[in-house]
Amino acid sequence: NPQSGSVPQQEALEAAQLRDRVHHQVV
């Protein structure tokens, strides 16, 4: 079951990427 626990990690990664994009745009 290699995908076990990957959903929360993927969501956290996407949130971090979104934060970085918005941060750069705001700056």
mmCIF file of all heavy atoms, coordinates in Angstrom:
data_MODEL
# 
_entry.id   MODEL 
# 
loop_
_atom_site.group_PDB 
_atom_site.id 
_atom_site.type_symbol 
_atom_site.label_atom_id 
_atom_site.label_alt_id 
_atom_site.label_comp_id 
_atom_site.label_asym_id 
_atom_site.label_entity_id 
_atom_site.label_seq_id 
_atom_site.pdbx_PDB_ins_code 
_atom_site.Cartn_x 
_atom_site.Cartn_y 
_atom_site.Cartn_z 
_atom_site.occupancy 
_atom_site.B_iso_or_equiv 
_atom_site.pdbx_formal_charge 
_atom_site.auth_seq_id 
_atom_site.auth_comp_id 
_atom_site.auth_asym_id 
_atom_site.auth_atom_id 
_atom_site.pdbx_PDB_model_num 
ATOM 1   N N   . ASN A 1 1  ? 0.841  -1.187 0.000  1.00 0.00 ? 1  ASN A N   1 
ATOM 2   C CA  . ASN A 1 1  ? 0.000  0.000  0.000  1.00 0.00 ? 1  ASN A CA  1 
ATOM 3   C C   . ASN A 1 1  ? 0.881  1.244  0.000  1.00 0.00 ? 1  ASN A C   1 
ATOM 4   O O   . ASN A 1 1  ? 0.943  1.977  0.970  1.00 0.00 ? 1  ASN A O   1 
ATOM 5   C CB  . ASN A 1 1  ? -0.928 -0.006 1.218  1.00 0.00 ? 1  ASN A CB  1 
ATOM 6   C CG  . ASN A 1 1  ? -1.957 1.127  1.157  1.00 0.00 ? 1  ASN A CG  1 
ATOM 7   O OD1 . ASN A 1 1  ? -2.223 1.687  0.101  1.00 0.00 ? 1  ASN A OD1 1 
ATOM 8   N ND2 . ASN A 1 1  ? -2.547 1.440  2.312  1.00 0.00 ? 1  ASN A ND2 1 
ATOM 9   N N   . PRO A 1 2  ? 1.590  1.492  -1.087 1.00 0.00 ? 2  PRO A N   1 
ATOM 10  C CA  . PRO A 1 2  ? 2.547  2.597  -1.133 1.00 0.00 ? 2  PRO A CA  1 
ATOM 11  C C   . PRO A 1 2  ? 1.914  3.961  -1.003 1.00 0.00 ? 2  PRO A C   1 
ATOM 12  O O   . PRO A 1 2  ? 2.574  4.937  -0.698 1.00 0.00 ? 2  PRO A O   1 
ATOM 13  C CB  . PRO A 1 2  ? 3.225  2.410  -2.500 1.00 0.00 ? 2  PRO A CB  1 
ATOM 14  C CG  . PRO A 1 2  ? 2.204  1.692  -3.332 1.00 0.00 ? 2  PRO A CG  1 
ATOM 15  C CD  . PRO A 1 2  ? 1.513  0.776  -2.391 1.00 0.00 ? 2  PRO A CD  1 
ATOM 16  N N   . GLN A 1 3  ? 0.603  4.069  -1.259 1.00 0.00 ? 3  GLN A N   1 
ATOM 17  C CA  . GLN A 1 3  ? -0.048 5.366  -1.193 1.00 0.00 ? 3  GLN A CA  1 
ATOM 18  C C   . GLN A 1 3  ? -0.533 5.724  0.207  1.00 0.00 ? 3  GLN A C   1 
ATOM 19  O O   . GLN A 1 3  ? -1.109 6.798  0.411  1.00 0.00 ? 3  GLN A O   1 
ATOM 20  C CB  . GLN A 1 3  ? -1.255 5.397  -2.156 1.00 0.00 ? 3  GLN A CB  1 
ATOM 21  C CG  . GLN A 1 3  ? -0.897 5.160  -3.605 1.00 0.00 ? 3  GLN A CG  1 
ATOM 22  C CD  . GLN A 1 3  ? 0.071  6.203  -4.138 1.00 0.00 ? 3  GLN A CD  1 
ATOM 23  O OE1 . GLN A 1 3  ? -0.088 7.392  -3.877 1.00 0.00 ? 3  GLN A OE1 1 
ATOM 24  N NE2 . GLN A 1 3  ? 1.082  5.754  -4.860 1.00 0.00 ? 3  GLN A NE2 1 
ATOM 25  N N   . SER A 1 4  ? -0.306 4.810  1.191  1.00 0.00 ? 4  SER A N   1 
ATOM 26  C CA  . SER A 1 4  ? -0.785 5.052  2.548  1.00 0.00 ? 4  SER A CA  1 
ATOM 27  C C   . SER A 1 4  ? -0.183 6.323  3.132  1.00 0.00 ? 4  SER A C   1 
ATOM 28  O O   . SER A 1 4  ? 1.028  6.501  3.146  1.00 0.00 ? 4  SER A O   1 
ATOM 29  C CB  . SER A 1 4  ? -0.419 3.856  3.441  1.00 0.00 ? 4  SER A CB  1 
ATOM 30  O OG  . SER A 1 4  ? -0.814 4.089  4.770  1.00 0.00 ? 4  SER A OG  1 
ATOM 31  N N   . GLY A 1 5  ? -1.060 7.189  3.611  1.00 0.00 ? 5  GLY A N   1 
ATOM 32  C CA  . GLY A 1 5  ? -0.612 8.435  4.226  1.00 0.00 ? 5  GLY A CA  1 
ATOM 33  C C   . GLY A 1 5  ? -0.197 9.511  3.238  1.00 0.00 ? 5  GLY A C   1 
ATOM 34  O O   . GLY A 1 5  ? 0.232  10.593 3.630  1.00 0.00 ? 5  GLY A O   1 
ATOM 35  N N   . SER A 1 6  ? -0.342 9.253  1.915  1.00 0.00 ? 6  SER A N   1 
ATOM 36  C CA  . SER A 1 6  ? 0.131  10.214 0.928  1.00 0.00 ? 6  SER A CA  1 
ATOM 37  C C   . SER A 1 6  ? -0.869 11.345 0.697  1.00 0.00 ? 6  SER A C   1 
ATOM 38  O O   . SER A 1 6  ? -0.488 12.422 0.251  1.00 0.00 ? 6  SER A O   1 
ATOM 39  C CB  . SER A 1 6  ? 0.431  9.504  -0.395 1.00 0.00 ? 6  SER A CB  1 
ATOM 40  O OG  . SER A 1 6  ? -0.760 8.947  -0.937 1.00 0.00 ? 6  SER A OG  1 
ATOM 41  N N   . VAL A 1 7  ? -2.167 11.106 0.985  1.00 0.00 ? 7  VAL A N   1 
ATOM 42  C CA  . VAL A 1 7  ? -3.171 12.141 0.736  1.00 0.00 ? 7  VAL A CA  1 
ATOM 43  C C   . VAL A 1 7  ? -2.934 13.385 1.589  1.00 0.00 ? 7  VAL A C   1 
ATOM 44  O O   . VAL A 1 7  ? -2.882 14.496 1.060  1.00 0.00 ? 7  VAL A O   1 
ATOM 45  C CB  . VAL A 1 7  ? -4.591 11.570 0.942  1.00 0.00 ? 7  VAL A CB  1 
ATOM 46  C CG1 . VAL A 1 7  ? -5.619 12.690 0.828  1.00 0.00 ? 7  VAL A CG1 1 
ATOM 47  C CG2 . VAL A 1 7  ? -4.879 10.498 -0.097 1.00 0.00 ? 7  VAL A CG2 1 
ATOM 48  N N   . PRO A 1 8  ? -2.789 13.242 2.914  1.00 0.00 ? 8  PRO A N   1 
ATOM 49  C CA  . PRO A 1 8  ? -2.510 14.437 3.713  1.00 0.00 ? 8  PRO A CA  1 
ATOM 50  C C   . PRO A 1 8  ? -1.216 15.134 3.294  1.00 0.00 ? 8  PRO A C   1 
ATOM 51  O O   . PRO A 1 8  ? -1.143 16.372 3.296  1.00 0.00 ? 8  PRO A O   1 
ATOM 52  C CB  . PRO A 1 8  ? -2.415 13.899 5.143  1.00 0.00 ? 8  PRO A CB  1 
ATOM 53  C CG  . PRO A 1 8  ? -3.156 12.607 5.126  1.00 0.00 ? 8  PRO A CG  1 
ATOM 54  C CD  . PRO A 1 8  ? -2.937 12.051 3.764  1.00 0.00 ? 8  PRO A CD  1 
ATOM 55  N N   . GLN A 1 9  ? -0.190 14.337 2.959  1.00 0.00 ? 9  GLN A N   1 
ATOM 56  C CA  . GLN A 1 9  ? 1.072  14.929 2.525  1.00 0.00 ? 9  GLN A CA  1 
ATOM 57  C C   . GLN A 1 9  ? 0.889  15.713 1.232  1.00 0.00 ? 9  GLN A C   1 
ATOM 58  O O   . GLN A 1 9  ? 1.456  16.794 1.069  1.00 0.00 ? 9  GLN A O   1 
ATOM 59  C CB  . GLN A 1 9  ? 2.127  13.836 2.345  1.00 0.00 ? 9  GLN A CB  1 
ATOM 60  C CG  . GLN A 1 9  ? 2.533  13.145 3.636  1.00 0.00 ? 9  GLN A CG  1 
ATOM 61  C CD  . GLN A 1 9  ? 3.528  12.032 3.408  1.00 0.00 ? 9  GLN A CD  1 
ATOM 62  O OE1 . GLN A 1 9  ? 3.953  11.777 2.281  1.00 0.00 ? 9  GLN A OE1 1 
ATOM 63  N NE2 . GLN A 1 9  ? 3.899  11.343 4.480  1.00 0.00 ? 9  GLN A NE2 1 
ATOM 64  N N   . GLN A 1 10 ? 0.107  15.160 0.304  1.00 0.00 ? 10 GLN A N   1 
ATOM 65  C CA  . GLN A 1 10 ? -0.137 15.832 -0.962 1.00 0.00 ? 10 GLN A CA  1 
ATOM 66  C C   . GLN A 1 10 ? -0.903 17.135 -0.748 1.00 0.00 ? 10 GLN A C   1 
ATOM 67  O O   . GLN A 1 10 ? -0.594 18.161 -1.365 1.00 0.00 ? 10 GLN A O   1 
ATOM 68  C CB  . GLN A 1 10 ? -0.936 14.902 -1.891 1.00 0.00 ? 10 GLN A CB  1 
ATOM 69  C CG  . GLN A 1 10 ? -1.197 15.479 -3.284 1.00 0.00 ? 10 GLN A CG  1 
ATOM 70  C CD  . GLN A 1 10 ? 0.076  15.692 -4.073 1.00 0.00 ? 10 GLN A CD  1 
ATOM 71  O OE1 . GLN A 1 10 ? 1.073  14.989 -3.876 1.00 0.00 ? 10 GLN A OE1 1 
ATOM 72  N NE2 . GLN A 1 10 ? 0.075  16.690 -4.964 1.00 0.00 ? 10 GLN A NE2 1 
ATOM 73  N N   . GLU A 1 11 ? -1.893 17.101 0.154  1.00 0.00 ? 11 GLU A N   1 
ATOM 74  C CA  . GLU A 1 11 ? -2.660 18.307 0.454  1.00 0.00 ? 11 GLU A CA  1 
ATOM 75  C C   . GLU A 1 11 ? -1.776 19.383 1.075  1.00 0.00 ? 11 GLU A C   1 
ATOM 76  O O   . GLU A 1 11 ? -1.894 20.565 0.750  1.00 0.00 ? 11 GLU A O   1 
ATOM 77  C CB  . GLU A 1 11 ? -3.816 17.966 1.388  1.00 0.00 ? 11 GLU A CB  1 
ATOM 78  C CG  . GLU A 1 11 ? -4.916 17.140 0.738  1.00 0.00 ? 11 GLU A CG  1 
ATOM 79  C CD  . GLU A 1 11 ? -6.019 16.772 1.718  1.00 0.00 ? 11 GLU A CD  1 
ATOM 80  O OE1 . GLU A 1 11 ? -5.823 16.998 2.928  1.00 0.00 ? 11 GLU A OE1 1 
ATOM 81  O OE2 . GLU A 1 11 ? -7.071 16.258 1.282  1.00 0.00 ? 11 GLU A OE2 1 
ATOM 82  N N   . ALA A 1 12 ? -0.890 18.979 1.974  1.00 0.00 ? 12 ALA A N   1 
ATOM 83  C CA  . ALA A 1 12 ? 0.021  19.933 2.604  1.00 0.00 ? 12 ALA A CA  1 
ATOM 84  C C   . ALA A 1 12 ? 0.971  20.546 1.582  1.00 0.00 ? 12 ALA A C   1 
ATOM 85  O O   . ALA A 1 12 ? 1.258  21.750 1.620  1.00 0.00 ? 12 ALA A O   1 
ATOM 86  C CB  . ALA A 1 12 ? 0.819  19.243 3.718  1.00 0.00 ? 12 ALA A CB  1 
ATOM 87  N N   . LEU A 1 13 ? 1.449  19.704 0.644  1.00 0.00 ? 13 LEU A N   1 
ATOM 88  C CA  . LEU A 1 13 ? 2.340  20.197 -0.406 1.00 0.00 ? 13 LEU A CA  1 
ATOM 89  C C   . LEU A 1 13 ? 1.633  21.207 -1.294 1.00 0.00 ? 13 LEU A C   1 
ATOM 90  O O   . LEU A 1 13 ? 2.190  22.258 -1.634 1.00 0.00 ? 13 LEU A O   1 
ATOM 91  C CB  . LEU A 1 13 ? 2.868  19.024 -1.231 1.00 0.00 ? 13 LEU A CB  1 
ATOM 92  C CG  . LEU A 1 13 ? 3.802  19.375 -2.405 1.00 0.00 ? 13 LEU A CG  1 
ATOM 93  C CD1 . LEU A 1 13 ? 5.065  20.067 -1.891 1.00 0.00 ? 13 LEU A CD1 1 
ATOM 94  C CD2 . LEU A 1 13 ? 4.175  18.112 -3.191 1.00 0.00 ? 13 LEU A CD2 1 
ATOM 95  N N   . GLU A 1 14 ? 0.399  20.884 -1.685 1.00 0.00 ? 14 GLU A N   1 
ATOM 96  C CA  . GLU A 1 14 ? -0.366 21.801 -2.537 1.00 0.00 ? 14 GLU A CA  1 
ATOM 97  C C   . GLU A 1 14 ? -0.638 23.122 -1.816 1.00 0.00 ? 14 GLU A C   1 
ATOM 98  O O   . GLU A 1 14 ? -0.578 24.197 -2.429 1.00 0.00 ? 14 GLU A O   1 
ATOM 99  C CB  . GLU A 1 14 ? -1.675 21.134 -2.953 1.00 0.00 ? 14 GLU A CB  1 
ATOM 100 C CG  . GLU A 1 14 ? -1.490 19.983 -3.930 1.00 0.00 ? 14 GLU A CG  1 
ATOM 101 C CD  . GLU A 1 14 ? -2.797 19.261 -4.241 1.00 0.00 ? 14 GLU A CD  1 
ATOM 102 O OE1 . GLU A 1 14 ? -3.832 19.640 -3.621 1.00 0.00 ? 14 GLU A OE1 1 
ATOM 103 O OE2 . GLU A 1 14 ? -2.792 18.338 -5.084 1.00 0.00 ? 14 GLU A OE2 1 
ATOM 104 N N   . ALA A 1 15 ? -0.946 23.064 -0.506 1.00 0.00 ? 15 ALA A N   1 
ATOM 105 C CA  . ALA A 1 15 ? -1.179 24.283 0.267  1.00 0.00 ? 15 ALA A CA  1 
ATOM 106 C C   . ALA A 1 15 ? 0.080  25.136 0.329  1.00 0.00 ? 15 ALA A C   1 
ATOM 107 O O   . ALA A 1 15 ? 0.026  26.363 0.211  1.00 0.00 ? 15 ALA A O   1 
ATOM 108 C CB  . ALA A 1 15 ? -1.660 23.937 1.676  1.00 0.00 ? 15 ALA A CB  1 
ATOM 109 N N   . ALA A 1 16 ? 1.241  24.483 0.513  1.00 0.00 ? 16 ALA A N   1 
ATOM 110 C CA  . ALA A 1 16 ? 2.513  25.210 0.578  1.00 0.00 ? 16 ALA A CA  1 
ATOM 111 C C   . ALA A 1 16 ? 2.831  25.865 -0.761 1.00 0.00 ? 16 ALA A C   1 
ATOM 112 O O   . ALA A 1 16 ? 3.303  27.008 -0.812 1.00 0.00 ? 16 ALA A O   1 
ATOM 113 C CB  . ALA A 1 16 ? 3.639  24.263 0.988  1.00 0.00 ? 16 ALA A CB  1 
ATOM 114 N N   . GLN A 1 17 ? 2.571  25.136 -1.866 1.00 0.00 ? 17 GLN A N   1 
ATOM 115 C CA  . GLN A 1 17 ? 2.810  25.701 -3.200 1.00 0.00 ? 17 GLN A CA  1 
ATOM 116 C C   . GLN A 1 17 ? 1.898  26.893 -3.464 1.00 0.00 ? 17 GLN A C   1 
ATOM 117 O O   . GLN A 1 17 ? 2.328  27.907 -4.030 1.00 0.00 ? 17 GLN A O   1 
ATOM 118 C CB  . GLN A 1 17 ? 2.622  24.612 -4.257 1.00 0.00 ? 17 GLN A CB  1 
ATOM 119 C CG  . GLN A 1 17 ? 3.690  23.522 -4.214 1.00 0.00 ? 17 GLN A CG  1 
ATOM 120 C CD  . GLN A 1 17 ? 3.374  22.362 -5.142 1.00 0.00 ? 17 GLN A CD  1 
ATOM 121 O OE1 . GLN A 1 17 ? 2.226  22.165 -5.565 1.00 0.00 ? 17 GLN A OE1 1 
ATOM 122 N NE2 . GLN A 1 17 ? 4.401  21.580 -5.469 1.00 0.00 ? 17 GLN A NE2 1 
ATOM 123 N N   . LEU A 1 18 ? 0.630  26.772 -3.054 1.00 0.00 ? 18 LEU A N   1 
ATOM 124 C CA  . LEU A 1 18 ? -0.304 27.883 -3.210 1.00 0.00 ? 18 LEU A CA  1 
ATOM 125 C C   . LEU A 1 18 ? 0.166  29.091 -2.409 1.00 0.00 ? 18 LEU A C   1 
ATOM 126 O O   . LEU A 1 18 ? 0.164  30.218 -2.916 1.00 0.00 ? 18 LEU A O   1 
ATOM 127 C CB  . LEU A 1 18 ? -1.695 27.457 -2.752 1.00 0.00 ? 18 LEU A CB  1 
ATOM 128 C CG  . LEU A 1 18 ? -2.743 28.577 -2.625 1.00 0.00 ? 18 LEU A CG  1 
ATOM 129 C CD1 . LEU A 1 18 ? -3.052 29.171 -3.997 1.00 0.00 ? 18 LEU A CD1 1 
ATOM 130 C CD2 . LEU A 1 18 ? -4.015 28.062 -1.948 1.00 0.00 ? 18 LEU A CD2 1 
ATOM 131 N N   . ARG A 1 19 ? 0.558  28.872 -1.172 1.00 0.00 ? 19 ARG A N   1 
ATOM 132 C CA  . ARG A 1 19 ? 1.040  29.962 -0.328 1.00 0.00 ? 19 ARG A CA  1 
ATOM 133 C C   . ARG A 1 19 ? 2.232  30.662 -0.954 1.00 0.00 ? 19 ARG A C   1 
ATOM 134 O O   . ARG A 1 19 ? 2.300  31.892 -0.969 1.00 0.00 ? 19 ARG A O   1 
ATOM 135 C CB  . ARG A 1 19 ? 1.416  29.401 1.047  1.00 0.00 ? 19 ARG A CB  1 
ATOM 136 C CG  . ARG A 1 19 ? 1.943  30.427 2.042  1.00 0.00 ? 19 ARG A CG  1 
ATOM 137 C CD  . ARG A 1 19 ? 2.533  29.709 3.249  1.00 0.00 ? 19 ARG A CD  1 
ATOM 138 N NE  . ARG A 1 19 ? 3.641  28.854 2.824  1.00 0.00 ? 19 ARG A NE  1 
ATOM 139 C CZ  . ARG A 1 19 ? 4.070  27.793 3.522  1.00 0.00 ? 19 ARG A CZ  1 
ATOM 140 N NH1 . ARG A 1 19 ? 3.515  27.462 4.654  1.00 0.00 ? 19 ARG A NH1 1 
ATOM 141 N NH2 . ARG A 1 19 ? 5.103  27.074 3.061  1.00 0.00 ? 19 ARG A NH2 1 
ATOM 142 N N   . ASP A 1 20 ? 3.153  29.893 -1.524 1.00 0.00 ? 20 ASP A N   1 
ATOM 143 C CA  . ASP A 1 20 ? 4.334  30.493 -2.152 1.00 0.00 ? 20 ASP A CA  1 
ATOM 144 C C   . ASP A 1 20 ? 3.940  31.333 -3.362 1.00 0.00 ? 20 ASP A C   1 
ATOM 145 O O   . ASP A 1 20 ? 4.469  32.438 -3.560 1.00 0.00 ? 20 ASP A O   1 
ATOM 146 C CB  . ASP A 1 20 ? 5.330  29.406 -2.556 1.00 0.00 ? 20 ASP A CB  1 
ATOM 147 C CG  . ASP A 1 20 ? 5.982  28.720 -1.362 1.00 0.00 ? 20 ASP A CG  1 
ATOM 148 O OD1 . ASP A 1 20 ? 5.879  29.267 -0.246 1.00 0.00 ? 20 ASP A OD1 1 
ATOM 149 O OD2 . ASP A 1 20 ? 6.579  27.637 -1.546 1.00 0.00 ? 20 ASP A OD2 1 
ATOM 150 N N   . ARG A 1 21 ? 3.025  30.809 -4.209 1.00 0.00 ? 21 ARG A N   1 
ATOM 151 C CA  . ARG A 1 21 ? 2.598  31.565 -5.398 1.00 0.00 ? 21 ARG A CA  1 
ATOM 152 C C   . ARG A 1 21 ? 1.937  32.879 -4.997 1.00 0.00 ? 21 ARG A C   1 
ATOM 153 O O   . ARG A 1 21 ? 2.246  33.944 -5.556 1.00 0.00 ? 21 ARG A O   1 
ATOM 154 C CB  . ARG A 1 21 ? 1.629  30.723 -6.242 1.00 0.00 ? 21 ARG A CB  1 
ATOM 155 C CG  . ARG A 1 21 ? 2.244  29.581 -7.003 1.00 0.00 ? 21 ARG A CG  1 
ATOM 156 C CD  . ARG A 1 21 ? 1.326  29.094 -8.108 1.00 0.00 ? 21 ARG A CD  1 
ATOM 157 N NE  . ARG A 1 21 ? -0.009 28.730 -7.623 1.00 0.00 ? 21 ARG A NE  1 
ATOM 158 C CZ  . ARG A 1 21 ? -0.329 27.520 -7.152 1.00 0.00 ? 21 ARG A CZ  1 
ATOM 159 N NH1 . ARG A 1 21 ? 0.595  26.572 -7.088 1.00 0.00 ? 21 ARG A NH1 1 
ATOM 160 N NH2 . ARG A 1 21 ? -1.561 27.268 -6.742 1.00 0.00 ? 21 ARG A NH2 1 
ATOM 161 N N   . VAL A 1 22 ? 1.019  32.796 -4.037 1.00 0.00 ? 22 VAL A N   1 
ATOM 162 C CA  . VAL A 1 22 ? 0.315  33.995 -3.600 1.00 0.00 ? 22 VAL A CA  1 
ATOM 163 C C   . VAL A 1 22 ? 1.281  34.971 -2.950 1.00 0.00 ? 22 VAL A C   1 
ATOM 164 O O   . VAL A 1 22 ? 1.212  36.187 -3.160 1.00 0.00 ? 22 VAL A O   1 
ATOM 165 C CB  . VAL A 1 22 ? -0.833 33.625 -2.633 1.00 0.00 ? 22 VAL A CB  1 
ATOM 166 C CG1 . VAL A 1 22 ? -1.473 34.884 -2.062 1.00 0.00 ? 22 VAL A CG1 1 
ATOM 167 C CG2 . VAL A 1 22 ? -1.879 32.791 -3.354 1.00 0.00 ? 22 VAL A CG2 1 
ATOM 168 N N   . HIS A 1 23 ? 2.212  34.449 -2.166 1.00 0.00 ? 23 HIS A N   1 
ATOM 169 C CA  . HIS A 1 23 ? 3.197  35.296 -1.488 1.00 0.00 ? 23 HIS A CA  1 
ATOM 170 C C   . HIS A 1 23 ? 4.007  36.105 -2.502 1.00 0.00 ? 23 HIS A C   1 
ATOM 171 O O   . HIS A 1 23 ? 4.178  37.323 -2.356 1.00 0.00 ? 23 HIS A O   1 
ATOM 172 C CB  . HIS A 1 23 ? 4.120  34.431 -0.627 1.00 0.00 ? 23 HIS A CB  1 
ATOM 173 C CG  . HIS A 1 23 ? 5.127  35.205 0.165  1.00 0.00 ? 23 HIS A CG  1 
ATOM 174 N ND1 . HIS A 1 23 ? 6.360  35.564 -0.344 1.00 0.00 ? 23 HIS A ND1 1 
ATOM 175 C CD2 . HIS A 1 23 ? 5.101  35.705 1.415  1.00 0.00 ? 23 HIS A CD2 1 
ATOM 176 C CE1 . HIS A 1 23 ? 7.033  36.246 0.573  1.00 0.00 ? 23 HIS A CE1 1 
ATOM 177 N NE2 . HIS A 1 23 ? 6.297  36.345 1.643  1.00 0.00 ? 23 HIS A NE2 1 
ATOM 178 N N   . HIS A 1 24 ? 4.508  35.432 -3.539 1.00 0.00 ? 24 HIS A N   1 
ATOM 179 C CA  . HIS A 1 24 ? 5.303  36.126 -4.562 1.00 0.00 ? 24 HIS A CA  1 
ATOM 180 C C   . HIS A 1 24 ? 4.466  37.174 -5.293 1.00 0.00 ? 24 HIS A C   1 
ATOM 181 O O   . HIS A 1 24 ? 4.940  38.279 -5.578 1.00 0.00 ? 24 HIS A O   1 
ATOM 182 C CB  . HIS A 1 24 ? 5.888  35.124 -5.554 1.00 0.00 ? 24 HIS A CB  1 
ATOM 183 C CG  . HIS A 1 24 ? 6.981  34.260 -4.976 1.00 0.00 ? 24 HIS A CG  1 
ATOM 184 N ND1 . HIS A 1 24 ? 8.100  34.785 -4.361 1.00 0.00 ? 24 HIS A ND1 1 
ATOM 185 C CD2 . HIS A 1 24 ? 7.122  32.911 -4.912 1.00 0.00 ? 24 HIS A CD2 1 
ATOM 186 C CE1 . HIS A 1 24 ? 8.889  33.806 -3.948 1.00 0.00 ? 24 HIS A CE1 1 
ATOM 187 N NE2 . HIS A 1 24 ? 8.316  32.661 -4.266 1.00 0.00 ? 24 HIS A NE2 1 
ATOM 188 N N   . GLN A 1 25 ? 3.221  36.828 -5.605 1.00 0.00 ? 25 GLN A N   1 
ATOM 189 C CA  . GLN A 1 25 ? 2.355  37.779 -6.300 1.00 0.00 ? 25 GLN A CA  1 
ATOM 190 C C   . GLN A 1 25 ? 2.089  39.009 -5.440 1.00 0.00 ? 25 GLN A C   1 
ATOM 191 O O   . GLN A 1 25 ? 2.128  40.146 -5.935 1.00 0.00 ? 25 GLN A O   1 
ATOM 192 C CB  . GLN A 1 25 ? 1.022  37.102 -6.679 1.00 0.00 ? 25 GLN A CB  1 
ATOM 193 C CG  . GLN A 1 25 ? 0.055  38.049 -7.401 1.00 0.00 ? 25 GLN A CG  1 
ATOM 194 C CD  . GLN A 1 25 ? -1.205 37.339 -7.860 1.00 0.00 ? 25 GLN A CD  1 
ATOM 195 O OE1 . GLN A 1 25 ? -1.172 36.169 -8.263 1.00 0.00 ? 25 GLN A OE1 1 
ATOM 196 N NE2 . GLN A 1 25 ? -2.350 38.027 -7.798 1.00 0.00 ? 25 GLN A NE2 1 
ATOM 197 N N   . VAL A 1 26 ? 1.827  38.794 -4.138 1.00 0.00 ? 26 VAL A N   1 
ATOM 198 C CA  . VAL A 1 26 ? 1.555  39.907 -3.231 1.00 0.00 ? 26 VAL A CA  1 
ATOM 199 C C   . VAL A 1 26 ? 2.784  40.815 -3.115 1.00 0.00 ? 26 VAL A C   1 
ATOM 200 O O   . VAL A 1 26 ? 2.662  42.045 -3.136 1.00 0.00 ? 26 VAL A O   1 
ATOM 201 C CB  . VAL A 1 26 ? 1.131  39.377 -1.844 1.00 0.00 ? 26 VAL A CB  1 
ATOM 202 C CG1 . VAL A 1 26 ? 1.078  40.515 -0.829 1.00 0.00 ? 26 VAL A CG1 1 
ATOM 203 C CG2 . VAL A 1 26 ? -0.231 38.709 -1.936 1.00 0.00 ? 26 VAL A CG2 1 
ATOM 204 N N   . VAL A 1 27 ? 3.965  40.215 -2.988 1.00 0.00 ? 27 VAL A N   1 
ATOM 205 C CA  . VAL A 1 27 ? 5.192  41.012 -2.885 1.00 0.00 ? 27 VAL A CA  1 
ATOM 206 C C   . VAL A 1 27 ? 5.397  41.858 -4.138 1.00 0.00 ? 27 VAL A C   1 
ATOM 207 O O   . VAL A 1 27 ? 5.737  43.044 -4.058 1.00 0.00 ? 27 VAL A O   1 
ATOM 208 C CB  . VAL A 1 27 ? 6.415  40.098 -2.636 1.00 0.00 ? 27 VAL A CB  1 
ATOM 209 C CG1 . VAL A 1 27 ? 7.711  40.888 -2.771 1.00 0.00 ? 27 VAL A CG1 1 
ATOM 210 C CG2 . VAL A 1 27 ? 6.329  39.464 -1.265 1.00 0.00 ? 27 VAL A CG2 1 
# 
